[in-house]
Amino acid sequence: MYYYLYDTFLSDSKYQKTLHRIENRLVDLGIDGKIGRLSMLMNVEKLLNEEIKRGAKTIIAVGNDSTIDKIINVAAAEKITVGIIPIGENNKIAEILGIPPMDLACDTLSRRRVKKIDLLKINSRYYVMNLKMDADKNVEVICEDKYKVKLTAKKGEIYIYNLADKEYIKNSFKFKKDVENFFNPQDKMFDIIIKPTDSGLTDSLLKIFKKKHACAATLIRGKKIKINSKKIVSAICDNNNIVKTPLDIEITPQILKIIVGKNRKF
């Protein structure tokens, strides 16, 4: 049984025609189901667990990346399948998965091309895409409980990717290695980018020595890391959630079943 979870922002009248088209298309395809609508005071996990007990096997997030974030922990724990009907802005997850927007997504759902993907587990909670944070020399990354990685510059940024747009990353960072075999949400590893943003050199010295490589990013892979800092540092997970150091991060292999499109980016 399909259960369609509408996010709170869809109560705006400007989305009603879009939702009507979606609902009609789902009926045409024979994959319509029960609809639930989120509200600000609703306990989402309790709602989903009740629907799963009633027989829901597939939860469809109708909304954006934030909607998916609200259901991902229940979906992973209960081993149910997740689908997406992207509406509005901030739909990077759907884009990477190859899910077209609005009523066009219904046809992708009906084909039910399901893949198992890894998730990031950060301090006991699951995330689909990434973590990013500002860092300095007081921040250390402990990899596999074996070795430490620290910034050599005064300031920098740390990124951890699971589900990612590889082309965007290739255009956003300068690496000293080929990244073709990186950024795959099915390879049972996550990818860590450590990028210096302040080399400590003055602008004049940078020009003299042409230190363009001063901002080259380090790229490594891992299954389990810890991020510690002398002072508490905040990080953003999946562009939506704030977490703070210390951080325990590990990959949970192929725990999420999710419907994808033929044009997915992995």
C-alpha atoms as a PDB file:
ATOM      1  CA  MET A   1       0.000   0.000   0.000  1.00  0.00           C
ATOM      2  CA  TYR A   2       1.194   3.490  -0.892  1.00  0.00           C
ATOM      3  CA  TYR A   3       1.051   6.272   1.680  1.00  0.00           C
ATOM      4  CA  TYR A   4       1.502   9.838   0.391  1.00  0.00           C
ATOM      5  CA  LEU A   5       2.822  12.339   2.919  1.00  0.00           C
ATOM      6  CA  TYR A   6       2.162  15.984   1.981  1.00  0.00           C
ATOM      7  CA  ASP A   7       4.456  18.557   3.558  1.00  0.00           C
ATOM      8  CA  THR A   8       3.077  21.573   5.400  1.00  0.00           C
ATOM      9  CA  PHE A   9       3.950  24.135   2.701  1.00  0.00           C
ATOM     10  CA  LEU A  10       1.613  22.377   0.256  1.00  0.00           C
ATOM     11  CA  SER A  11      -1.392  23.771   2.127  1.00  0.00           C
ATOM     12  CA  ASP A  12      -0.760  27.037   0.254  1.00  0.00           C
ATOM     13  CA  SER A  13      -3.485  27.586  -2.341  1.00  0.00           C
ATOM     14  CA  LYS A  14      -0.932  28.013  -5.151  1.00  0.00           C
ATOM     15  CA  TYR A  15      -0.156  24.289  -5.013  1.00  0.00           C
ATOM     16  CA  GLN A  16      -3.727  22.999  -5.217  1.00  0.00           C
ATOM     17  CA  LYS A  17      -3.891  22.671  -9.013  1.00  0.00           C
ATOM     18  CA  THR A  18      -0.550  20.833  -8.998  1.00  0.00           C
ATOM     19  CA  LEU A  19      -1.740  18.417  -6.308  1.00  0.00           C
ATOM     20  CA  HIS A  20      -4.974  17.823  -8.196  1.00  0.00           C
ATOM     21  CA  ARG A  21      -3.021  16.876 -11.350  1.00  0.00           C
ATOM     22  CA  ILE A  22      -0.791  14.567  -9.308  1.00  0.00           C
ATOM     23  CA  GLU A  23      -3.723  12.822  -7.631  1.00  0.00           C
ATOM     24  CA  ASN A  24      -5.498  12.276 -10.955  1.00  0.00           C
ATOM     25  CA  ARG A  25      -2.349  10.860 -12.529  1.00  0.00           C
ATOM     26  CA  LEU A  26      -1.811   8.469  -9.612  1.00  0.00           C
ATOM     27  CA  VAL A  27      -5.367   7.179 -10.049  1.00  0.00           C
ATOM     28  CA  ASP A  28      -4.771   6.691 -13.798  1.00  0.00           C
ATOM     29  CA  LEU A  29      -1.634   4.676 -13.047  1.00  0.00           C
ATOM     30  CA  GLY A  30      -3.318   2.614 -10.341  1.00  0.00           C
ATOM     31  CA  ILE A  31      -0.925   3.661  -7.586  1.00  0.00           C
ATOM     32  CA  ASP A  32      -3.096   6.041  -5.602  1.00  0.00           C
ATOM     33  CA  GLY A  33      -3.230   5.556  -1.856  1.00  0.00           C
ATOM     34  CA  LYS A  34      -3.938   7.143   1.471  1.00  0.00           C
ATOM     35  CA  ILE A  35      -2.891  10.785   1.895  1.00  0.00           C
ATOM     36  CA  GLY A  36      -1.490  12.283   5.078  1.00  0.00           C
ATOM     37  CA  ARG A  37      -0.891  15.981   5.591  1.00  0.00           C
ATOM     38  CA  LEU A  38       1.781  17.278   7.916  1.00  0.00           C
ATOM     39  CA  SER A  39       1.178  20.076  10.383  1.00  0.00           C
ATOM     40  CA  MET A  40       3.528  22.030  12.600  1.00  0.00           C
ATOM     41  CA  LEU A  41       2.466  20.177  15.769  1.00  0.00           C
ATOM     42  CA  MET A  42       2.369  16.691  14.282  1.00  0.00           C
ATOM     43  CA  ASN A  43       4.723  13.920  15.443  1.00  0.00           C
ATOM     44  CA  VAL A  44       5.809  12.607  12.041  1.00  0.00           C
ATOM     45  CA  GLU A  45       7.497   9.448  13.302  1.00  0.00           C
ATOM     46  CA  LYS A  46       4.439   8.432  15.315  1.00  0.00           C
ATOM     47  CA  LEU A  47       2.184   9.055  12.310  1.00  0.00           C
ATOM     48  CA  LEU A  48       4.341   6.972   9.969  1.00  0.00           C
ATOM     49  CA  ASN A  49       4.732   4.114  12.417  1.00  0.00           C
ATOM     50  CA  GLU A  50       0.950   3.918  12.788  1.00  0.00           C
ATOM     51  CA  GLU A  51       0.470   3.825   9.015  1.00  0.00           C
ATOM     52  CA  ILE A  52       3.122   1.130   8.643  1.00  0.00           C
ATOM     53  CA  LYS A  53       1.261  -0.973  11.232  1.00  0.00           C
ATOM     54  CA  ARG A  54      -1.862  -0.511   9.113  1.00  0.00           C
ATOM     55  CA  GLY A  55      -0.061  -1.939   6.099  1.00  0.00           C
ATOM     56  CA  ALA A  56       1.799   0.898   4.358  1.00  0.00           C
ATOM     57  CA  LYS A  57       4.732  -0.581   2.411  1.00  0.00           C
ATOM     58  CA  THR A  58       5.823   2.491   0.471  1.00  0.00           C
ATOM     59  CA  ILE A  59       5.985   6.046   1.818  1.00  0.00           C
ATOM     60  CA  ILE A  60       5.973   8.798  -0.791  1.00  0.00           C
ATOM     61  CA  ALA A  61       7.379  12.162   0.281  1.00  0.00           C
ATOM     62  CA  VAL A  62       5.350  14.835  -1.519  1.00  0.00           C
ATOM     63  CA  GLY A  63       7.364  18.034  -1.144  1.00  0.00           C
ATOM     64  CA  ASN A  64      11.102  18.667  -1.134  1.00  0.00           C
ATOM     65  CA  ASP A  65      14.385  17.640   0.505  1.00  0.00           C
ATOM     66  CA  SER A  66      13.066  18.676   3.908  1.00  0.00           C
ATOM     67  CA  THR A  67      10.103  16.319   3.483  1.00  0.00           C
ATOM     68  CA  ILE A  68      12.425  13.401   2.813  1.00  0.00           C
ATOM     69  CA  ASP A  69      14.472  14.274   5.874  1.00  0.00           C
ATOM     70  CA  LYS A  70      11.346  13.950   8.016  1.00  0.00           C
ATOM     71  CA  ILE A  71      10.670  10.348   6.984  1.00  0.00           C
ATOM     72  CA  ILE A  72      14.136   8.885   6.444  1.00  0.00           C
ATOM     73  CA  ASN A  73      14.778   7.581   9.957  1.00  0.00           C
ATOM     74  CA  VAL A  74      11.480   5.702  10.137  1.00  0.00           C
ATOM     75  CA  ALA A  75      11.967   4.317   6.620  1.00  0.00           C
ATOM     76  CA  ALA A  76      15.439   3.030   7.445  1.00  0.00           C
ATOM     77  CA  ALA A  77      14.352   1.472  10.743  1.00  0.00           C
ATOM     78  CA  GLU A  78      11.241  -0.202   9.310  1.00  0.00           C
ATOM     79  CA  LYS A  79      12.845  -1.277   6.000  1.00  0.00           C
ATOM     80  CA  ILE A  80      10.074   0.239   3.893  1.00  0.00           C
ATOM     81  CA  THR A  81      10.457   1.745   0.429  1.00  0.00           C
ATOM     82  CA  VAL A  82      10.625   5.523  -0.085  1.00  0.00           C
ATOM     83  CA  GLY A  83       9.480   7.488  -3.121  1.00  0.00           C
ATOM     84  CA  ILE A  84       9.482  11.172  -3.958  1.00  0.00           C
ATOM     85  CA  ILE A  85       7.161  13.564  -5.760  1.00  0.00           C
ATOM     86  CA  PRO A  86       9.178  16.801  -5.840  1.00  0.00           C
ATOM     87  CA  ILE A  87       7.287  20.080  -5.717  1.00  0.00           C
ATOM     88  CA  GLY A  88       8.656  23.607  -5.433  1.00  0.00           C
ATOM     89  CA  GLU A  89      12.258  24.471  -4.630  1.00  0.00           C
ATOM     90  CA  ASN A  90      15.074  22.620  -2.808  1.00  0.00           C
ATOM     91  CA  ASN A  91      14.725  19.259  -4.507  1.00  0.00           C
ATOM     92  CA  LYS A  92      18.366  18.262  -4.907  1.00  0.00           C
ATOM     93  CA  ILE A  93      17.771  14.697  -3.699  1.00  0.00           C
ATOM     94  CA  ALA A  94      15.114  14.089  -6.358  1.00  0.00           C
ATOM     95  CA  GLU A  95      17.382  15.589  -9.024  1.00  0.00           C
ATOM     96  CA  ILE A  96      20.270  13.246  -8.152  1.00  0.00           C
ATOM     97  CA  LEU A  97      17.890  10.276  -8.051  1.00  0.00           C
ATOM     98  CA  GLY A  98      16.568  11.164 -11.509  1.00  0.00           C
ATOM     99  CA  ILE A  99      13.018  11.968 -10.343  1.00  0.00           C
ATOM    100  CA  PRO A 100      11.268  14.569 -12.541  1.00  0.00           C
ATOM    101  CA  PRO A 101       9.115  17.249 -10.866  1.00  0.00           C
ATOM    102  CA  MET A 102       5.434  17.206  -9.921  1.00  0.00           C
ATOM    103  CA  ASP A 103       3.023  14.991 -11.910  1.00  0.00           C
ATOM    104  CA  LEU A 104       5.883  13.747 -14.133  1.00  0.00           C
ATOM    105  CA  ALA A 105       7.207  11.917 -11.072  1.00  0.00           C
ATOM    106  CA  CYS A 106       4.118   9.706 -10.988  1.00  0.00           C
ATOM    107  CA  ASP A 107       5.251   7.740 -14.046  1.00  0.00           C
ATOM    108  CA  THR A 108       8.643   7.151 -12.431  1.00  0.00           C
ATOM    109  CA  LEU A 109       6.912   5.879  -9.293  1.00  0.00           C
ATOM    110  CA  SER A 110       4.752   3.514 -11.323  1.00  0.00           C
ATOM    111  CA  ARG A 111       7.823   1.898 -12.887  1.00  0.00           C
ATOM    112  CA  ARG A 112       9.065   1.210  -9.347  1.00  0.00           C
ATOM    113  CA  ARG A 113      12.763   1.025 -10.097  1.00  0.00           C
ATOM    114  CA  VAL A 114      14.048   0.473  -6.538  1.00  0.00           C
ATOM    115  CA  LYS A 115      17.674   0.771  -5.450  1.00  0.00           C
ATOM    116  CA  LYS A 116      19.245   0.270  -2.045  1.00  0.00           C
ATOM    117  CA  ILE A 117      21.496   3.140  -1.004  1.00  0.00           C
ATOM    118  CA  ASP A 118      23.791   3.903   1.909  1.00  0.00           C
ATOM    119  CA  LEU A 119      22.952   6.472   4.563  1.00  0.00           C
ATOM    120  CA  LEU A 120      25.123   8.643   6.767  1.00  0.00           C
ATOM    121  CA  LYS A 121      24.592   7.988  10.448  1.00  0.00           C
ATOM    122  CA  ILE A 122      25.572  11.074  12.425  1.00  0.00           C
ATOM    123  CA  ASN A 123      25.220  10.922  16.209  1.00  0.00           C
ATOM    124  CA  SER A 124      22.556   8.166  15.928  1.00  0.00           C
ATOM    125  CA  ARG A 125      20.425   9.901  13.250  1.00  0.00           C
ATOM    126  CA  TYR A 126      20.321   9.072   9.536  1.00  0.00           C
ATOM    127  CA  TYR A 127      20.945  11.515   6.689  1.00  0.00           C
ATOM    128  CA  VAL A 128      20.812  11.014   2.923  1.00  0.00           C
ATOM    129  CA  MET A 129      23.217  13.512   1.422  1.00  0.00           C
ATOM    130  CA  ASN A 130      25.918  15.376   3.263  1.00  0.00           C
ATOM    131  CA  LEU A 131      27.435  17.259   6.151  1.00  0.00           C
ATOM    132  CA  LYS A 132      29.352  20.512   5.850  1.00  0.00           C
ATOM    133  CA  MET A 133      31.088  22.675   8.416  1.00  0.00           C
ATOM    134  CA  ASP A 134      33.608  25.460   8.822  1.00  0.00           C
ATOM    135  CA  ALA A 135      36.830  24.405  10.496  1.00  0.00           C
ATOM    136  CA  ASP A 136      40.198  25.616  11.723  1.00  0.00           C
ATOM    137  CA  LYS A 137      43.354  24.020  13.118  1.00  0.00           C
ATOM    138  CA  ASN A 138      41.526  23.118  16.330  1.00  0.00           C
ATOM    139  CA  VAL A 139      39.232  20.722  14.457  1.00  0.00           C
ATOM    140  CA  GLU A 140      40.485  17.181  13.912  1.00  0.00           C
ATOM    141  CA  VAL A 141      39.056  14.310  11.912  1.00  0.00           C
ATOM    142  CA  ILE A 142      39.841  10.873  13.349  1.00  0.00           C
ATOM    143  CA  CYS A 143      39.496   8.252  10.621  1.00  0.00           C
ATOM    144  CA  GLU A 144      38.665   4.621  11.439  1.00  0.00           C
ATOM    145  CA  ASP A 145      40.160   5.150  14.933  1.00  0.00           C
ATOM    146  CA  LYS A 146      43.573   4.878  13.248  1.00  0.00           C
ATOM    147  CA  TYR A 147      44.807   8.284  12.065  1.00  0.00           C
ATOM    148  CA  LYS A 148      44.010  11.981  12.307  1.00  0.00           C
ATOM    149  CA  VAL A 149      43.551  14.573   9.592  1.00  0.00           C
ATOM    150  CA  LYS A 150      43.816  18.294  10.371  1.00  0.00           C
ATOM    151  CA  LEU A 151      43.827  21.499   8.383  1.00  0.00           C
ATOM    152  CA  THR A 152      47.212  22.936   7.506  1.00  0.00           C
ATOM    153  CA  ALA A 153      45.623  26.328   6.772  1.00  0.00           C
ATOM    154  CA  LYS A 154      44.195  28.739   9.323  1.00  0.00           C
ATOM    155  CA  LYS A 155      40.644  28.183   8.147  1.00  0.00           C
ATOM    156  CA  GLY A 156      38.825  25.742   5.959  1.00  0.00           C
ATOM    157  CA  GLU A 157      35.735  23.674   5.303  1.00  0.00           C
ATOM    158  CA  ILE A 158      34.920  20.005   5.797  1.00  0.00           C
ATOM    159  CA  TYR A 159      32.391  18.199   3.637  1.00  0.00           C
ATOM    160  CA  ILE A 160      31.175  14.616   3.956  1.00  0.00           C
ATOM    161  CA  TYR A 161      29.177  13.243   1.037  1.00  0.00           C
ATOM    162  CA  ASN A 162      27.008  10.178   0.561  1.00  0.00           C
ATOM    163  CA  LEU A 163      24.440  11.026  -2.136  1.00  0.00           C
ATOM    164  CA  ALA A 164      25.977  13.738  -4.288  1.00  0.00           C
ATOM    165  CA  ASP A 165      25.966  15.445  -7.661  1.00  0.00           C
ATOM    166  CA  LYS A 166      29.400  14.425  -8.922  1.00  0.00           C
ATOM    167  CA  GLU A 167      29.549  16.996 -11.719  1.00  0.00           C
ATOM    168  CA  TYR A 168      28.703  19.806  -9.314  1.00  0.00           C
ATOM    169  CA  ILE A 169      31.478  18.686  -6.972  1.00  0.00           C
ATOM    170  CA  LYS A 170      34.010  18.410  -9.787  1.00  0.00           C
ATOM    171  CA  ASN A 171      33.194  21.991 -10.789  1.00  0.00           C
ATOM    172  CA  SER A 172      33.217  23.299  -7.207  1.00  0.00           C
ATOM    173  CA  PHE A 173      36.506  21.858  -5.912  1.00  0.00           C
ATOM    174  CA  LYS A 174      40.018  21.449  -7.196  1.00  0.00           C
ATOM    175  CA  PHE A 175      41.396  17.969  -6.569  1.00  0.00           C
ATOM    176  CA  LYS A 176      44.789  16.424  -7.205  1.00  0.00           C
ATOM    177  CA  LYS A 177      43.221  13.074  -8.121  1.00  0.00           C
ATOM    178  CA  ASP A 178      40.577  11.698 -10.439  1.00  0.00           C
ATOM    179  CA  VAL A 179      37.197  11.555  -8.690  1.00  0.00           C
ATOM    180  CA  GLU A 180      35.377   9.336 -11.161  1.00  0.00           C
ATOM    181  CA  ASN A 181      35.141   6.420  -8.725  1.00  0.00           C
ATOM    182  CA  PHE A 182      34.033   8.601  -5.803  1.00  0.00           C
ATOM    183  CA  PHE A 183      30.605   9.856  -4.681  1.00  0.00           C
ATOM    184  CA  ASN A 184      28.586   6.664  -5.105  1.00  0.00           C
ATOM    185  CA  PRO A 185      25.791   6.096  -2.535  1.00  0.00           C
ATOM    186  CA  GLN A 186      26.013   2.331  -3.068  1.00  0.00           C
ATOM    187  CA  ASP A 187      29.730   1.752  -2.451  1.00  0.00           C
ATOM    188  CA  LYS A 188      29.468   1.379   1.357  1.00  0.00           C
ATOM    189  CA  MET A 189      31.771   4.359   1.959  1.00  0.00           C
ATOM    190  CA  PHE A 190      31.446   8.119   2.306  1.00  0.00           C
ATOM    191  CA  ASP A 191      33.704  10.750   0.785  1.00  0.00           C
ATOM    192  CA  ILE A 192      35.441  13.419   2.859  1.00  0.00           C
ATOM    193  CA  ILE A 193      36.586  16.735   1.387  1.00  0.00           C
ATOM    194  CA  ILE A 194      38.816  19.009   3.440  1.00  0.00           C
ATOM    195  CA  LYS A 195      39.257  22.358   1.760  1.00  0.00           C
ATOM    196  CA  PRO A 196      41.470  25.196   3.041  1.00  0.00           C
ATOM    197  CA  THR A 197      39.947  28.637   2.582  1.00  0.00           C
ATOM    198  CA  ASP A 198      42.745  30.702   4.172  1.00  0.00           C
ATOM    199  CA  SER A 199      46.336  29.644   3.464  1.00  0.00           C
ATOM    200  CA  GLY A 200      47.768  32.256   5.800  1.00  0.00           C
ATOM    201  CA  LEU A 201      49.632  33.920   2.933  1.00  0.00           C
ATOM    202  CA  THR A 202      49.028  37.523   1.966  1.00  0.00           C
ATOM    203  CA  ASP A 203      47.470  38.335  -1.400  1.00  0.00           C
ATOM    204  CA  SER A 204      50.794  39.678  -2.635  1.00  0.00           C
ATOM    205  CA  LEU A 205      52.639  36.456  -1.761  1.00  0.00           C
ATOM    206  CA  LEU A 206      49.926  34.401  -3.408  1.00  0.00           C
ATOM    207  CA  LYS A 207      50.405  36.383  -6.601  1.00  0.00           C
ATOM    208  CA  ILE A 208      54.190  36.128  -6.461  1.00  0.00           C
ATOM    209  CA  PHE A 209      54.269  32.390  -5.897  1.00  0.00           C
ATOM    210  CA  LYS A 210      51.080  31.684  -7.892  1.00  0.00           C
ATOM    211  CA  LYS A 211      49.842  29.493  -5.093  1.00  0.00           C
ATOM    212  CA  LYS A 212      46.619  28.416  -6.741  1.00  0.00           C
ATOM    213  CA  HIS A 213      47.127  24.980  -5.264  1.00  0.00           C
ATOM    214  CA  ALA A 214      46.942  26.555  -1.801  1.00  0.00           C
ATOM    215  CA  CYS A 215      43.173  25.987  -1.929  1.00  0.00           C
ATOM    216  CA  ALA A 216      43.299  22.515  -3.455  1.00  0.00           C
ATOM    217  CA  ALA A 217      41.012  20.153  -1.594  1.00  0.00           C
ATOM    218  CA  THR A 218      42.005  16.886   0.057  1.00  0.00           C
ATOM    219  CA  LEU A 219      39.747  13.954  -0.827  1.00  0.00           C
ATOM    220  CA  ILE A 220      39.680  10.765   1.228  1.00  0.00           C
ATOM    221  CA  ARG A 221      37.189   7.975   1.855  1.00  0.00           C
ATOM    222  CA  GLY A 222      35.958   6.353   5.008  1.00  0.00           C
ATOM    223  CA  LYS A 223      33.414   4.189   6.773  1.00  0.00           C
ATOM    224  CA  LYS A 224      33.690   5.667  10.244  1.00  0.00           C
ATOM    225  CA  ILE A 225      35.108   8.939  11.560  1.00  0.00           C
ATOM    226  CA  LYS A 226      34.950  11.247  14.541  1.00  0.00           C
ATOM    227  CA  ILE A 227      35.153  15.027  14.347  1.00  0.00           C
ATOM    228  CA  ASN A 228      36.410  16.718  17.507  1.00  0.00           C
ATOM    229  CA  SER A 229      37.186  20.338  18.301  1.00  0.00           C
ATOM    230  CA  LYS A 230      38.444  22.327  21.274  1.00  0.00           C
ATOM    231  CA  LYS A 231      35.413  24.582  21.008  1.00  0.00           C
ATOM    232  CA  ILE A 232      31.935  23.491  19.938  1.00  0.00           C
ATOM    233  CA  VAL A 233      31.508  23.847  16.181  1.00  0.00           C
ATOM    234  CA  SER A 234      28.205  23.602  14.322  1.00  0.00           C
ATOM    235  CA  ALA A 235      27.677  21.637  11.126  1.00  0.00           C
ATOM    236  CA  ILE A 236      24.769  21.429   8.686  1.00  0.00           C
ATOM    237  CA  CYS A 237      23.407  18.034   7.623  1.00  0.00           C
ATOM    238  CA  ASP A 238      21.440  17.707   4.374  1.00  0.00           C
ATOM    239  CA  ASN A 239      21.266  21.515   4.155  1.00  0.00           C
ATOM    240  CA  ASN A 240      18.616  21.527   6.846  1.00  0.00           C
ATOM    241  CA  ASN A 241      19.715  20.179  10.263  1.00  0.00           C
ATOM    242  CA  ILE A 242      22.212  21.663  12.715  1.00  0.00           C
ATOM    243  CA  VAL A 243      24.478  19.293  14.649  1.00  0.00           C
ATOM    244  CA  LYS A 244      27.412  20.164  16.915  1.00  0.00           C
ATOM    245  CA  THR A 245      30.773  18.623  17.709  1.00  0.00           C
ATOM    246  CA  PRO A 246      31.791  16.095  18.818  1.00  0.00           C
ATOM    247  CA  LEU A 247      30.418  14.128  15.870  1.00  0.00           C
ATOM    248  CA  ASP A 248      30.405  10.360  15.383  1.00  0.00           C
ATOM    249  CA  ILE A 249      29.837   9.594  11.715  1.00  0.00           C
ATOM    250  CA  GLU A 250      29.569   6.234  10.003  1.00  0.00           C
ATOM    251  CA  ILE A 251      28.178   4.773   6.819  1.00  0.00           C
ATOM    252  CA  THR A 252      25.249   2.397   7.063  1.00  0.00           C
ATOM    253  CA  PRO A 253      25.442   0.278   3.899  1.00  0.00           C
ATOM    254  CA  GLN A 254      22.409  -0.027   1.614  1.00  0.00           C
ATOM    255  CA  ILE A 255      19.885   0.439   4.402  1.00  0.00           C
ATOM    256  CA  LEU A 256      17.409   2.590   2.459  1.00  0.00           C
ATOM    257  CA  LYS A 257      15.197   1.295  -0.366  1.00  0.00           C
ATOM    258  CA  ILE A 258      14.312   4.193  -2.633  1.00  0.00           C
ATOM    259  CA  ILE A 259      12.585   4.596  -6.003  1.00  0.00           C
ATOM    260  CA  VAL A 260      14.874   6.125  -8.635  1.00  0.00           C
ATOM    261  CA  GLY A 261      14.591   7.300 -12.231  1.00  0.00           C
ATOM    262  CA  LYS A 262      16.542   6.146 -15.265  1.00  0.00           C
ATOM    263  CA  ASN A 263      18.472   9.452 -15.314  1.00  0.00           C
ATOM    264  CA  ARG A 264      19.885   9.115 -11.784  1.00  0.00           C
ATOM    265  CA  LYS A 265      23.387  10.501 -11.250  1.00  0.00           C
ATOM    266  CA  PHE A 266      25.019   7.343  -9.866  1.00  0.00           C
END
